[in-house]
Amino acid sequence: ILAMDINRENYELGLPVIQKAGVAHKIDFREGPALPLLDQLIED
């Protein structure tokens, strides 16, 4: 799962729930504006 946000605080807020569910290892969090991050994914 790819999660993107301009602010890591929102991810950190939900992280305990994600960890409790045992799926933290499945999440790739990327901080920053979505469009440049998506462009980078396309290039890779």
C-alpha atoms as a PDB file:
ATOM      1  CA  ILE A   1       0.000   0.000   0.000  1.00  0.00           C
ATOM      2  CA  LEU A   2       1.392   3.368  -0.965  1.00  0.00           C
ATOM      3  CA  ALA A   3       0.349   6.187   1.343  1.00  0.00           C
ATOM      4  CA  MET A   4       1.125   9.806   0.470  1.00  0.00           C
ATOM      5  CA  ASP A   5       0.579  12.983   2.447  1.00  0.00           C
ATOM      6  CA  ILE A   6       2.246  16.357   2.702  1.00  0.00           C
ATOM      7  CA  ASN A   7       2.319  15.982   6.470  1.00  0.00           C
ATOM      8  CA  ARG A   8       3.636  12.902   8.276  1.00  0.00           C
ATOM      9  CA  GLU A   9       1.637  13.794  11.408  1.00  0.00           C
ATOM     10  CA  ASN A  10      -1.531  12.240   9.970  1.00  0.00           C
ATOM     11  CA  TYR A  11       0.270   8.969   9.302  1.00  0.00           C
ATOM     12  CA  GLU A  12       1.829   8.979  12.760  1.00  0.00           C
ATOM     13  CA  LEU A  13      -1.619   9.525  14.292  1.00  0.00           C
ATOM     14  CA  GLY A  14      -2.968   6.340  12.721  1.00  0.00           C
ATOM     15  CA  LEU A  15       0.226   4.310  13.061  1.00  0.00           C
ATOM     16  CA  PRO A  16      -0.704   2.620  16.372  1.00  0.00           C
ATOM     17  CA  VAL A  17      -3.876   1.237  14.776  1.00  0.00           C
ATOM     18  CA  ILE A  18      -1.935   0.116  11.705  1.00  0.00           C
ATOM     19  CA  GLN A  19       0.620  -1.631  13.901  1.00  0.00           C
ATOM     20  CA  LYS A  20      -2.065  -3.257  16.048  1.00  0.00           C
ATOM     21  CA  ALA A  21      -3.649  -4.664  12.884  1.00  0.00           C
ATOM     22  CA  GLY A  22      -0.260  -6.116  11.924  1.00  0.00           C
ATOM     23  CA  VAL A  23      -0.060  -4.439   8.535  1.00  0.00           C
ATOM     24  CA  ALA A  24       2.577  -1.752   9.132  1.00  0.00           C
ATOM     25  CA  HIS A  25       5.088  -3.725   7.046  1.00  0.00           C
ATOM     26  CA  LYS A  26       2.766  -3.419   4.028  1.00  0.00           C
ATOM     27  CA  ILE A  27       2.619   0.385   4.011  1.00  0.00           C
ATOM     28  CA  ASP A  28       5.085   2.533   2.097  1.00  0.00           C
ATOM     29  CA  PHE A  29       4.585   6.090   3.358  1.00  0.00           C
ATOM     30  CA  ARG A  30       5.905   8.946   1.246  1.00  0.00           C
ATOM     31  CA  GLU A  31       5.840  12.509   2.516  1.00  0.00           C
ATOM     32  CA  GLY A  32       5.412  15.366   0.088  1.00  0.00           C
ATOM     33  CA  PRO A  33       3.168  16.679  -2.676  1.00  0.00           C
ATOM     34  CA  ALA A  34       1.514  13.788  -4.519  1.00  0.00           C
ATOM     35  CA  LEU A  35       2.139  14.864  -8.120  1.00  0.00           C
ATOM     36  CA  PRO A  36       5.951  14.871  -7.951  1.00  0.00           C
ATOM     37  CA  LEU A  37       5.875  11.587  -6.028  1.00  0.00           C
ATOM     38  CA  LEU A  38       3.623  10.013  -8.653  1.00  0.00           C
ATOM     39  CA  ASP A  39       5.889  11.303 -11.430  1.00  0.00           C
ATOM     40  CA  GLN A  40       8.820   9.672  -9.646  1.00  0.00           C
ATOM     41  CA  LEU A  41       6.929   6.358  -9.456  1.00  0.00           C
ATOM     42  CA  ILE A  42       6.267   6.471 -13.192  1.00  0.00           C
ATOM     43  CA  GLU A  43       9.967   7.085 -13.913  1.00  0.00           C
ATOM     44  CA  ASP A  44      11.001   4.145 -11.732  1.00  0.00           C
END
